[in-house]
PDB file of N, CA and C in Angstrom:
ATOM      1  N   UNK A   1       0.851  -1.168  -0.021  1.00  0.00           N
ATOM      2  CA  UNK A   1       0.004  -0.010  -0.025  1.00  0.00           C
ATOM      3  C   UNK A   1       0.909   1.260  -0.012  1.00  0.00           C
ATOM      4  N   UNK A   2       0.558   2.216  -0.823  1.00  0.00           N
ATOM      5  CA  UNK A   2       1.336   3.444  -0.939  1.00  0.00           C
ATOM      6  C   UNK A   2       1.060   4.346   0.265  1.00  0.00           C
ATOM      7  N   UNK A   3       2.111   5.129   0.617  1.00  0.00           N
ATOM      8  CA  UNK A   3       1.966   6.060   1.712  1.00  0.00           C
ATOM      9  C   UNK A   3       2.424   7.460   1.252  1.00  0.00           C
ATOM     10  N   UNK A   4       1.809   8.488   1.829  1.00  0.00           N
ATOM     11  CA  UNK A   4       2.199   9.888   1.539  1.00  0.00           C
ATOM     12  C   UNK A   4       2.936  10.381   2.760  1.00  0.00           C
ATOM     13  N   UNK A   5       4.209  10.752   2.574  1.00  0.00           N
ATOM     14  CA  UNK A   5       5.030  11.320   3.633  1.00  0.00           C
ATOM     15  C   UNK A   5       5.275  12.803   3.379  1.00  0.00           C
ATOM     16  N   UNK A   6       4.838  13.602   4.343  1.00  0.00           N
ATOM     17  CA  UNK A   6       5.035  15.037   4.181  1.00  0.00           C
ATOM     18  C   UNK A   6       6.486  15.380   4.217  1.00  0.00           C
ATOM     19  N   UNK A   7       6.926  16.237   3.254  1.00  0.00           N
ATOM     20  CA  UNK A   7       8.317  16.611   3.202  1.00  0.00           C
ATOM     21  C   UNK A   7       8.590  18.121   3.393  1.00  0.00           C
ATOM     22  N   UNK A   8       7.535  18.942   3.174  1.00  0.00           N
ATOM     23  CA  UNK A   8       7.710  20.382   3.278  1.00  0.00           C
ATOM     24  C   UNK A   8       6.378  21.064   3.470  1.00  0.00           C
ATOM     25  N   UNK A   9       6.357  22.115   4.269  1.00  0.00           N
ATOM     26  CA  UNK A   9       5.178  22.934   4.518  1.00  0.00           C
ATOM     27  C   UNK A   9       5.520  24.386   4.297  1.00  0.00           C
ATOM     28  N   UNK A  10       4.681  25.130   3.619  1.00  0.00           N
ATOM     29  CA  UNK A  10       4.899  26.540   3.316  1.00  0.00           C
ATOM     30  C   UNK A  10       3.637  27.339   3.640  1.00  0.00           C
ATOM     31  N   UNK A  11       3.807  28.590   4.058  1.00  0.00           N
ATOM     32  CA  UNK A  11       2.673  29.469   4.331  1.00  0.00           C
ATOM     33  C   UNK A  11       2.750  30.604   3.330  1.00  0.00           C
ATOM     34  N   UNK A  12       1.627  30.833   2.602  1.00  0.00           N
ATOM     35  CA  UNK A  12       1.588  31.895   1.611  1.00  0.00           C
ATOM     36  C   UNK A  12       0.553  32.938   2.024  1.00  0.00           C
ATOM     37  N   UNK A  13       0.993  34.168   2.039  1.00  0.00           N
ATOM     38  CA  UNK A  13       0.123  35.320   2.351  1.00  0.00           C
ATOM     39  C   UNK A  13      -0.145  36.070   1.061  1.00  0.00           C
ATOM     40  N   UNK A  14      -1.441  36.297   0.751  1.00  0.00           N
ATOM     41  CA  UNK A  14      -1.805  37.010  -0.456  1.00  0.00           C
ATOM     42  C   UNK A  14      -2.371  38.381  -0.084  1.00  0.00           C
ATOM     43  N   UNK A  15      -1.814  39.394  -0.656  1.00  0.00           N
ATOM     44  CA  UNK A  15      -2.217  40.806  -0.401  1.00  0.00           C
ATOM     45  C   UNK A  15      -2.835  41.443  -1.648  1.00  0.00           C
ATOM     46  N   UNK A  16      -3.745  42.354  -1.395  1.00  0.00           N
ATOM     47  CA  UNK A  16      -4.310  43.156  -2.504  1.00  0.00           C
ATOM     48  C   UNK A  16      -3.537  44.425  -2.526  1.00  0.00           C
ATOM     49  N   UNK A  17      -2.804  44.674  -3.647  1.00  0.00           N
ATOM     50  CA  UNK A  17      -1.907  45.822  -3.734  1.00  0.00           C
ATOM     51  C   UNK A  17      -2.462  46.974  -4.548  1.00  0.00           C
ATOM     52  N   UNK A  18      -3.660  46.834  -5.068  1.00  0.00           N
ATOM     53  CA  UNK A  18      -4.282  47.914  -5.849  1.00  0.00           C
ATOM     54  C   UNK A  18      -5.251  47.380  -6.855  1.00  0.00           C
ATOM     55  N   UNK A  19      -5.570  48.211  -7.835  1.00  0.00           N
ATOM     56  CA  UNK A  19      -6.522  47.853  -8.870  1.00  0.00           C
ATOM     57  C   UNK A  19      -5.908  48.082 -10.262  1.00  0.00           C
ATOM     58  N   UNK A  20      -6.247  47.191 -11.199  1.00  0.00           N
ATOM     59  CA  UNK A  20      -5.720  47.405 -12.554  1.00  0.00           C
ATOM     60  C   UNK A  20      -6.644  48.390 -13.284  1.00  0.00           C
ATOM     61  N   UNK A  21      -6.386  48.575 -14.591  1.00  0.00           N
ATOM     62  CA  UNK A  21      -7.158  49.554 -15.355  1.00  0.00           C
ATOM     63  C   UNK A  21      -8.638  49.210 -15.493  1.00  0.00           C
ATOM     64  N   UNK A  22      -8.946  47.938 -15.398  1.00  0.00           N
ATOM     65  CA  UNK A  22     -10.336  47.487 -15.444  1.00  0.00           C
ATOM     66  C   UNK A  22     -11.022  47.499 -14.097  1.00  0.00           C
ATOM     67  N   UNK A  23     -10.349  47.911 -13.059  1.00  0.00           N
ATOM     68  CA  UNK A  23     -10.874  47.905 -11.722  1.00  0.00           C
ATOM     69  C   UNK A  23     -10.815  46.552 -10.978  1.00  0.00           C
ATOM     70  N   UNK A  24     -10.088  45.603 -11.567  1.00  0.00           N
ATOM     71  CA  UNK A  24      -9.920  44.313 -10.884  1.00  0.00           C
ATOM     72  C   UNK A  24      -8.762  44.379  -9.884  1.00  0.00           C
ATOM     73  N   UNK A  25      -8.844  43.651  -8.809  1.00  0.00           N
ATOM     74  CA  UNK A  25      -7.779  43.710  -7.761  1.00  0.00           C
ATOM     75  C   UNK A  25      -6.491  43.074  -8.280  1.00  0.00           C
ATOM     76  N   UNK A  26      -5.369  43.681  -7.897  1.00  0.00           N
ATOM     77  CA  UNK A  26      -4.050  43.112  -8.167  1.00  0.00           C
ATOM     78  C   UNK A  26      -3.599  42.435  -6.878  1.00  0.00           C
ATOM     79  N   UNK A  27      -3.202  41.130  -7.011  1.00  0.00           N
ATOM     80  CA  UNK A  27      -2.776  40.400  -5.857  1.00  0.00           C
ATOM     81  C   UNK A  27      -1.282  40.084  -5.935  1.00  0.00           C
ATOM     82  N   UNK A  28      -0.579  40.227  -4.839  1.00  0.00           N
ATOM     83  CA  UNK A  28       0.825  39.846  -4.713  1.00  0.00           C
ATOM     84  C   UNK A  28       0.908  38.913  -3.540  1.00  0.00           C
ATOM     85  N   UNK A  29       1.840  37.934  -3.616  1.00  0.00           N
ATOM     86  CA  UNK A  29       1.913  36.987  -2.500  1.00  0.00           C
ATOM     87  C   UNK A  29       3.366  36.910  -1.961  1.00  0.00           C
ATOM     88  N   UNK A  30       3.479  36.481  -0.750  1.00  0.00           N
ATOM     89  CA  UNK A  30       4.741  36.257  -0.076  1.00  0.00           C
ATOM     90  C   UNK A  30       4.652  34.856   0.522  1.00  0.00           C
ATOM     91  N   UNK A  31       5.634  34.012   0.241  1.00  0.00           N
ATOM     92  CA  UNK A  31       5.667  32.646   0.696  1.00  0.00           C
ATOM     93  C   UNK A  31       6.768  32.455   1.726  1.00  0.00           C
ATOM     94  N   UNK A  32       6.439  31.824   2.824  1.00  0.00           N
ATOM     95  CA  UNK A  32       7.378  31.527   3.906  1.00  0.00           C
ATOM     96  C   UNK A  32       7.613  29.987   3.886  1.00  0.00           C
ATOM     97  N   UNK A  33       8.826  29.571   3.694  1.00  0.00           N
ATOM     98  CA  UNK A  33       9.211  28.166   3.660  1.00  0.00           C
ATOM     99  C   UNK A  33       9.587  27.657   5.012  1.00  0.00           C
ATOM    100  N   UNK A  34       9.741  26.343   5.100  1.00  0.00           N
ATOM    101  CA  UNK A  34      10.225  25.699   6.325  1.00  0.00           C
ATOM    102  C   UNK A  34       9.317  25.929   7.508  1.00  0.00           C
ATOM    103  N   UNK A  35       8.036  25.945   7.255  1.00  0.00           N
ATOM    104  CA  UNK A  35       7.027  26.039   8.295  1.00  0.00           C
ATOM    105  C   UNK A  35       6.990  24.711   9.051  1.00  0.00           C
ATOM    106  N   UNK A  36       6.845  24.758  10.378  1.00  0.00           N
ATOM    107  CA  UNK A  36       6.761  23.526  11.150  1.00  0.00           C
ATOM    108  C   UNK A  36       5.554  22.737  10.707  1.00  0.00           C
ATOM    109  N   UNK A  37       5.802  21.451  10.342  1.00  0.00           N
ATOM    110  CA  UNK A  37       4.792  20.619   9.800  1.00  0.00           C
ATOM    111  C   UNK A  37       3.653  20.324  10.755  1.00  0.00           C
ATOM    112  N   UNK A  38       3.914  20.381  12.039  1.00  0.00           N
ATOM    113  CA  UNK A  38       2.885  20.107  13.052  1.00  0.00           C
ATOM    114  C   UNK A  38       2.058  21.345  13.377  1.00  0.00           C
ATOM    115  N   UNK A  39       2.319  22.464  12.767  1.00  0.00           N
ATOM    116  CA  UNK A  39       1.573  23.712  13.072  1.00  0.00           C
ATOM    117  C   UNK A  39       0.070  23.530  12.705  1.00  0.00           C
ATOM    118  N   UNK A  40      -0.763  23.965  13.595  1.00  0.00           N
ATOM    119  CA  UNK A  40      -2.229  23.846  13.389  1.00  0.00           C
ATOM    120  C   UNK A  40      -2.703  25.047  12.543  1.00  0.00           C
ATOM    121  N   UNK A  41      -3.920  24.899  12.046  1.00  0.00           N
ATOM    122  CA  UNK A  41      -4.516  25.947  11.271  1.00  0.00           C
ATOM    123  C   UNK A  41      -4.639  27.254  12.105  1.00  0.00           C
ATOM    124  N   UNK A  42      -5.019  27.133  13.320  1.00  0.00           N
ATOM    125  CA  UNK A  42      -5.124  28.281  14.204  1.00  0.00           C
ATOM    126  C   UNK A  42      -3.796  28.958  14.413  1.00  0.00           C
ATOM    127  N   UNK A  43      -2.731  28.200  14.578  1.00  0.00           N
ATOM    128  CA  UNK A  43      -1.406  28.757  14.742  1.00  0.00           C
ATOM    129  C   UNK A  43      -0.927  29.489  13.459  1.00  0.00           C
ATOM    130  N   UNK A  44      -1.160  28.882  12.318  1.00  0.00           N
ATOM    131  CA  UNK A  44      -0.770  29.538  11.066  1.00  0.00           C
ATOM    132  C   UNK A  44      -1.596  30.783  10.829  1.00  0.00           C
ATOM    133  N   UNK A  45      -2.849  30.751  11.169  1.00  0.00           N
ATOM    134  CA  UNK A  45      -3.720  31.931  11.024  1.00  0.00           C
ATOM    135  C   UNK A  45      -3.202  33.075  11.885  1.00  0.00           C
ATOM    136  N   UNK A  46      -2.861  32.788  13.145  1.00  0.00           N
ATOM    137  CA  UNK A  46      -2.322  33.786  14.032  1.00  0.00           C
ATOM    138  C   UNK A  46      -1.016  34.396  13.540  1.00  0.00           C
ATOM    139  N   UNK A  47      -0.141  33.558  13.076  1.00  0.00           N
ATOM    140  CA  UNK A  47       1.142  34.053  12.536  1.00  0.00           C
ATOM    141  C   UNK A  47       0.878  34.875  11.272  1.00  0.00           C
ATOM    142  N   UNK A  48       0.012  34.413  10.368  1.00  0.00           N
ATOM    143  CA  UNK A  48      -0.313  35.134   9.172  1.00  0.00           C
ATOM    144  C   UNK A  48      -0.933  36.529   9.448  1.00  0.00           C
ATOM    145  N   UNK A  49      -1.771  36.587  10.429  1.00  0.00           N
ATOM    146  CA  UNK A  49      -2.344  37.867  10.817  1.00  0.00           C
ATOM    147  C   UNK A  49      -1.304  38.791  11.409  1.00  0.00           C
ATOM    148  N   UNK A  50      -0.385  38.244  12.183  1.00  0.00           N
ATOM    149  CA  UNK A  50       0.648  39.103  12.804  1.00  0.00           C
ATOM    150  C   UNK A  50       1.591  39.637  11.736  1.00  0.00           C
ATOM    151  N   UNK A  51       1.984  38.819  10.764  1.00  0.00           N
ATOM    152  CA  UNK A  51       2.864  39.247   9.684  1.00  0.00           C
ATOM    153  C   UNK A  51       2.141  40.248   8.805  1.00  0.00           C
ATOM    154  N   UNK A  52       0.889  40.001   8.524  1.00  0.00           N
ATOM    155  CA  UNK A  52       0.093  40.927   7.655  1.00  0.00           C
ATOM    156  C   UNK A  52      -0.071  42.293   8.316  1.00  0.00           C
ATOM    157  N   UNK A  53      -0.101  42.324   9.624  1.00  0.00           N
ATOM    158  CA  UNK A  53      -0.251  43.614  10.314  1.00  0.00           C
ATOM    159  C   UNK A  53       0.953  44.504  10.045  1.00  0.00           C
ATOM    160  N   UNK A  54       2.083  43.951   9.628  1.00  0.00           N
ATOM    161  CA  UNK A  54       3.251  44.766   9.272  1.00  0.00           C
ATOM    162  C   UNK A  54       3.265  45.279   7.884  1.00  0.00           C
ATOM    163  N   UNK A  55       2.269  44.890   7.081  1.00  0.00           N
ATOM    164  CA  UNK A  55       2.193  45.261   5.687  1.00  0.00           C
ATOM    165  C   UNK A  55       1.319  46.496   5.511  1.00  0.00           C
ATOM    166  N   UNK A  56       1.555  47.229   4.417  1.00  0.00           N
ATOM    167  CA  UNK A  56       0.731  48.384   4.073  1.00  0.00           C
ATOM    168  C   UNK A  56      -0.505  47.953   3.311  1.00  0.00           C
ATOM    169  N   UNK A  57      -0.571  46.684   2.875  1.00  0.00           N
ATOM    170  CA  UNK A  57      -1.642  46.214   2.029  1.00  0.00           C
ATOM    171  C   UNK A  57      -2.559  45.258   2.843  1.00  0.00           C
ATOM    172  N   UNK A  58      -3.846  45.205   2.447  1.00  0.00           N
ATOM    173  CA  UNK A  58      -4.752  44.247   3.140  1.00  0.00           C
ATOM    174  C   UNK A  58      -4.483  42.837   2.718  1.00  0.00           C
ATOM    175  N   UNK A  59      -4.586  41.949   3.734  1.00  0.00           N
ATOM    176  CA  UNK A  59      -4.462  40.493   3.489  1.00  0.00           C
ATOM    177  C   UNK A  59      -5.751  39.955   2.954  1.00  0.00           C
ATOM    178  N   UNK A  60      -5.693  39.211   1.837  1.00  0.00           N
ATOM    179  CA  UNK A  60      -6.931  38.665   1.261  1.00  0.00           C
ATOM    180  C   UNK A  60      -6.993  37.146   1.387  1.00  0.00           C
ATOM    181  N   UNK A  61      -5.875  36.500   1.601  1.00  0.00           N
ATOM    182  CA  UNK A  61      -5.871  35.055   1.695  1.00  0.00           C
ATOM    183  C   UNK A  61      -4.634  34.554   2.427  1.00  0.00           C
ATOM    184  N   UNK A  62      -4.830  33.432   3.140  1.00  0.00           N
ATOM    185  CA  UNK A  62      -3.712  32.673   3.764  1.00  0.00           C
ATOM    186  C   UNK A  62      -3.806  31.253   3.209  1.00  0.00           C
ATOM    187  N   UNK A  63      -2.703  30.717   2.738  1.00  0.00           N
ATOM    188  CA  UNK A  63      -2.684  29.358   2.155  1.00  0.00           C
ATOM    189  C   UNK A  63      -1.575  28.550   2.805  1.00  0.00           C
ATOM    190  N   UNK A  64      -1.928  27.308   3.161  1.00  0.00           N
ATOM    191  CA  UNK A  64      -0.943  26.344   3.629  1.00  0.00           C
ATOM    192  C   UNK A  64      -0.689  25.371   2.479  1.00  0.00           C
ATOM    193  N   UNK A  65       0.597  25.222   2.107  1.00  0.00           N
ATOM    194  CA  UNK A  65       0.929  24.317   1.019  1.00  0.00           C
ATOM    195  C   UNK A  65       1.853  23.240   1.547  1.00  0.00           C
ATOM    196  N   UNK A  66       1.364  21.997   1.549  1.00  0.00           N
ATOM    197  CA  UNK A  66       2.150  20.839   1.989  1.00  0.00           C
ATOM    198  C   UNK A  66       2.575  20.065   0.779  1.00  0.00           C
ATOM    199  N   UNK A  67       3.837  19.621   0.793  1.00  0.00           N
ATOM    200  CA  UNK A  67       4.352  18.759  -0.293  1.00  0.00           C
ATOM    201  C   UNK A  67       4.624  17.391   0.314  1.00  0.00           C
ATOM    202  N   UNK A  68       4.301  16.388  -0.490  1.00  0.00           N
ATOM    203  CA  UNK A  68       4.420  14.973  -0.046  1.00  0.00           C
ATOM    204  C   UNK A  68       5.232  14.150  -1.003  1.00  0.00           C
ATOM    205  N   UNK A  69       5.934  13.166  -0.468  1.00  0.00           N
ATOM    206  CA  UNK A  69       6.517  12.096  -1.243  1.00  0.00           C
ATOM    207  C   UNK A  69       5.585  10.910  -1.171  1.00  0.00           C
ATOM    208  N   UNK A  70       5.317  10.350  -2.290  1.00  0.00           N
ATOM    209  CA  UNK A  70       4.459   9.138  -2.352  1.00  0.00           C
ATOM    210  C   UNK A  70       5.376   7.942  -2.546  1.00  0.00           C
ATOM    211  N   UNK A  71       5.316   7.019  -1.554  1.00  0.00           N
ATOM    212  CA  UNK A  71       6.178   5.844  -1.608  1.00  0.00           C
ATOM    213  C   UNK A  71       5.340   4.591  -1.553  1.00  0.00           C
ATOM    214  N   UNK A  72       5.885   3.498  -2.199  1.00  0.00           N
ATOM    215  CA  UNK A  72       5.102   2.275  -2.251  1.00  0.00           C
ATOM    216  C   UNK A  72       5.586   1.220  -1.307  1.00  0.00           C
TER     217      UNK A  72
END
């Protein structure tokens, strides 16, 4: 039976930095690597909010990206 082993976790913060000529929002993101794999959603949310408070732009999304190795 195959198993998925987590190898990396990243936290991505997405900010709205303005509007384009059509009035659509422009998004820019910042990714933080080497996030502790055991971090809970609440912990990541708290860290994301704290980091976003240092930005001049509003935070529009927080994403957790896990990478896995699939082994048989």
